[in-house]
Amino acid sequence: MRQYETYIDLQHVTQLSRALTNIEIGANYIKPEKIYPVKGKYAMQFERTKSIARGKDKRGVTGCPEALWQFHLYNGSTYLGRIGINFHNEGVERIVTIANIQGAEGRAEQLEAFKKATGKRFNDALVEKLKEILGPRFHYRGIVNPEKNPAMYQMTFRRAKMPTYSLKTGPASA
């Protein structure tokens, strides 16, 4: 038993509990098989994060170490970007946290074409659709990554009227 005792402590049990809750809530409220049409050939789809160690898959999707769930934007079968999300409970409140916003590498022109076609940036469109699908039964939060385009994160969450938190400092706004 000695070899496992470092994993049986309050911190690790708490992390395991949160991960299981994240899986359970996500599995109850999102449908990875469902495709959400946007406009023309544009569509969105949920996916559970796969291995973060394998790099990009054949679509260009990487693992998302910050988030267990992802909401993707596609143009036909071409992956354009995502938001990474997690679920947890605080008392009786269900919380959705957006922990990652990322356009697909090398697809800046296609993301700009999406903006021209829809009038929205990909990040704003994904957050808006997420809130539409999950609705008011959830409280929404955004995590601002200070090292990866914090201005985009802050503006996305401000436009979505979501409280933000910083990875380094805790609550950033209400």
Protein backbone atom coordinates (compact mmCIF):
# COMPACT_ATOMS: atom_id res chain seq x y z
CA MET A 1 0.00 0.00 0.00
CA ARG A 2 2.91 2.41 0.58
CA GLN A 3 3.37 3.03 -3.12
CA TYR A 4 -0.17 4.48 -3.39
CA GLU A 5 -0.43 6.49 -0.20
CA THR A 6 0.82 9.67 -1.87
CA TYR A 7 -2.35 9.64 -3.98
CA ILE A 8 -4.74 9.08 -1.11
CA ASP A 9 -4.89 12.49 0.49
CA LEU A 10 -7.41 15.32 0.60
CA GLN A 11 -5.92 17.20 -2.35
CA HIS A 12 -5.92 14.21 -4.70
CA VAL A 13 -9.34 12.95 -3.63
CA THR A 14 -10.74 16.47 -4.14
CA GLN A 15 -9.21 16.66 -7.63
CA LEU A 16 -10.58 13.23 -8.51
CA SER A 17 -14.03 14.23 -7.26
CA ARG A 18 -14.00 17.42 -9.34
CA ALA A 19 -12.89 15.50 -12.44
CA LEU A 20 -15.67 12.94 -12.01
CA THR A 21 -18.22 15.73 -11.51
CA ASN A 22 -16.92 17.46 -14.66
CA ILE A 23 -17.38 14.23 -16.64
CA GLU A 24 -20.83 13.57 -15.18
CA ILE A 25 -22.25 17.06 -15.77
CA GLY A 26 -20.80 17.27 -19.27
CA ALA A 27 -22.14 13.83 -20.19
CA ASN A 28 -25.61 14.84 -18.97
CA TYR A 29 -25.82 18.15 -20.81
CA ILE A 30 -23.80 18.01 -24.01
CA LYS A 31 -24.23 15.76 -27.00
CA PRO A 32 -20.94 15.15 -28.86
CA GLU A 33 -22.77 13.47 -31.74
CA LYS A 34 -24.97 16.52 -32.41
CA ILE A 35 -23.89 19.06 -35.01
CA TYR A 36 -25.05 22.67 -34.53
CA PRO A 37 -25.33 24.43 -37.91
CA VAL A 38 -24.22 28.07 -37.99
CA LYS A 39 -24.39 29.44 -41.56
CA GLY A 40 -23.53 27.88 -44.90
CA LYS A 41 -21.06 25.07 -44.29
CA TYR A 42 -20.12 26.35 -40.83
CA ALA A 43 -21.09 24.19 -37.86
CA MET A 44 -20.17 23.59 -34.21
CA GLN A 45 -19.76 20.37 -32.27
CA PHE A 46 -18.84 19.27 -28.74
CA GLU A 47 -16.08 16.81 -28.03
CA ARG A 48 -14.43 15.44 -24.91
CA THR A 49 -10.72 16.30 -24.85
CA LYS A 50 -8.60 13.41 -26.02
CA SER A 51 -4.98 12.69 -25.19
CA ILE A 52 -2.91 15.83 -24.67
CA ALA A 53 0.31 13.90 -25.25
CA ARG A 54 -0.34 12.85 -28.86
CA GLY A 55 -0.14 16.28 -30.46
CA LYS A 56 -2.52 17.16 -33.30
CA ASP A 57 -4.96 14.66 -34.70
CA LYS A 58 -5.73 14.40 -38.44
CA ARG A 59 -8.13 17.37 -38.20
CA GLY A 60 -5.52 19.61 -36.56
CA VAL A 61 -7.15 19.40 -33.10
CA THR A 62 -4.73 19.29 -30.18
CA GLY A 63 -5.42 18.09 -26.66
CA CYS A 64 -6.56 20.79 -24.27
CA PRO A 65 -4.88 20.34 -20.89
CA GLU A 66 -6.94 23.18 -19.38
CA ALA A 67 -10.33 21.67 -20.23
CA LEU A 68 -12.02 18.29 -20.28
CA TRP A 69 -14.61 19.35 -22.88
CA GLN A 70 -14.24 21.27 -26.13
CA PHE A 71 -16.67 23.08 -28.40
CA HIS A 72 -15.34 23.18 -31.97
CA LEU A 73 -16.04 25.32 -35.03
CA TYR A 74 -15.82 23.71 -38.48
CA ASN A 75 -16.14 24.81 -42.08
CA GLY A 76 -17.35 21.57 -43.61
CA SER A 77 -14.83 19.06 -42.28
CA THR A 78 -12.11 21.68 -41.72
CA TYR A 79 -11.45 22.45 -38.06
CA LEU A 80 -11.21 26.21 -37.42
CA GLY A 81 -11.03 26.68 -33.65
CA ARG A 82 -12.42 25.87 -30.23
CA ILE A 83 -13.24 26.87 -26.72
CA GLY A 84 -12.27 24.52 -23.91
CA ILE A 85 -14.79 24.17 -21.07
CA ASN A 86 -15.16 22.52 -17.67
CA PHE A 87 -18.15 21.93 -15.42
CA HIS A 88 -18.43 21.91 -11.64
CA ASN A 89 -20.91 22.53 -8.86
CA GLU A 90 -20.81 25.17 -6.14
CA GLY A 91 -23.54 24.17 -3.74
CA VAL A 92 -26.67 23.94 -5.89
CA GLU A 93 -25.25 26.12 -8.69
CA ARG A 94 -23.85 24.53 -11.84
CA ILE A 95 -20.83 26.35 -13.23
CA VAL A 96 -19.38 26.31 -16.76
CA THR A 97 -15.86 27.69 -17.01
CA ILE A 98 -14.30 28.57 -20.34
CA ALA A 99 -10.62 27.84 -19.83
CA ASN A 100 -9.28 27.95 -23.39
CA ILE A 101 -9.94 29.86 -26.61
CA GLN A 102 -7.88 28.80 -29.57
CA GLY A 103 -8.03 29.22 -33.32
CA ALA A 104 -6.61 26.40 -35.43
CA GLU A 105 -2.99 26.88 -36.42
CA GLY A 106 -2.59 28.24 -39.94
CA ARG A 107 -6.28 29.02 -40.38
CA ALA A 108 -6.32 32.80 -39.82
CA GLU A 109 -7.72 33.49 -43.30
CA GLN A 110 -10.52 30.96 -42.80
CA LEU A 111 -11.35 32.48 -39.41
CA GLU A 112 -11.52 35.90 -41.05
CA ALA A 113 -13.84 34.45 -43.73
CA PHE A 114 -16.07 33.11 -40.91
CA LYS A 115 -16.19 36.60 -39.41
CA LYS A 116 -17.18 38.11 -42.76
CA ALA A 117 -19.85 35.46 -43.35
CA THR A 118 -21.42 35.64 -39.88
CA GLY A 119 -20.47 39.07 -38.55
CA LYS A 120 -18.88 37.45 -35.48
CA ARG A 121 -15.42 36.42 -34.39
CA PHE A 122 -15.12 32.65 -33.96
CA ASN A 123 -14.55 32.97 -30.20
CA ASP A 124 -17.64 35.14 -29.69
CA ALA A 125 -19.77 32.83 -31.84
CA LEU A 126 -18.66 29.74 -29.89
CA VAL A 127 -19.34 31.34 -26.50
CA GLU A 128 -22.71 32.68 -27.64
CA LYS A 129 -23.78 29.27 -29.00
CA LEU A 130 -22.54 27.51 -25.83
CA LYS A 131 -24.69 29.80 -23.68
CA GLU A 132 -27.66 29.29 -26.02
CA ILE A 133 -27.37 25.49 -25.86
CA LEU A 134 -26.80 25.16 -22.10
CA GLY A 135 -29.05 28.07 -21.18
CA PRO A 136 -29.69 29.80 -17.87
CA ARG A 137 -29.43 26.64 -15.75
CA PHE A 138 -25.66 27.30 -15.66
CA HIS A 139 -23.52 30.18 -14.41
CA TYR A 140 -20.72 31.05 -16.83
CA ARG A 141 -17.15 32.10 -16.06
CA GLY A 142 -14.07 32.81 -18.09
CA ILE A 143 -10.44 32.17 -17.22
CA VAL A 144 -8.03 34.70 -18.72
CA ASN A 145 -4.70 33.18 -19.64
CA PRO A 146 -2.18 36.01 -19.09
CA GLU A 147 0.35 34.43 -21.46
CA LYS A 148 -1.87 33.63 -24.46
CA ASN A 149 -3.60 36.71 -25.85
CA PRO A 150 -5.22 37.98 -22.62
CA ALA A 151 -6.90 40.86 -24.48
CA MET A 152 -8.85 38.42 -26.68
CA TYR A 153 -9.97 36.46 -23.62
CA GLN A 154 -10.99 39.60 -21.74
CA MET A 155 -12.92 41.06 -24.69
CA THR A 156 -14.65 37.73 -25.40
CA PHE A 157 -15.83 37.41 -21.82
CA ARG A 158 -16.80 41.09 -21.59
CA ARG A 159 -18.97 40.81 -24.72
CA ALA A 160 -20.53 37.63 -23.29
CA LYS A 161 -21.16 39.41 -19.95
CA MET A 162 -19.25 36.74 -18.05
CA PRO A 163 -17.22 37.24 -14.89
CA THR A 164 -13.55 36.57 -15.48
CA TYR A 165 -10.80 35.06 -13.43
CA SER A 166 -7.06 35.23 -13.98
CA LEU A 167 -4.85 32.16 -13.80
CA LYS A 168 -2.53 34.07 -11.48
CA THR A 169 -4.70 36.37 -9.39
CA GLY A 170 -8.18 34.88 -8.94
CA PRO A 171 -11.30 36.98 -9.60
CA ALA A 172 -10.65 39.70 -12.16
CA SER A 173 -14.18 41.07 -12.56
CA ALA A 174 -17.76 40.37 -11.62
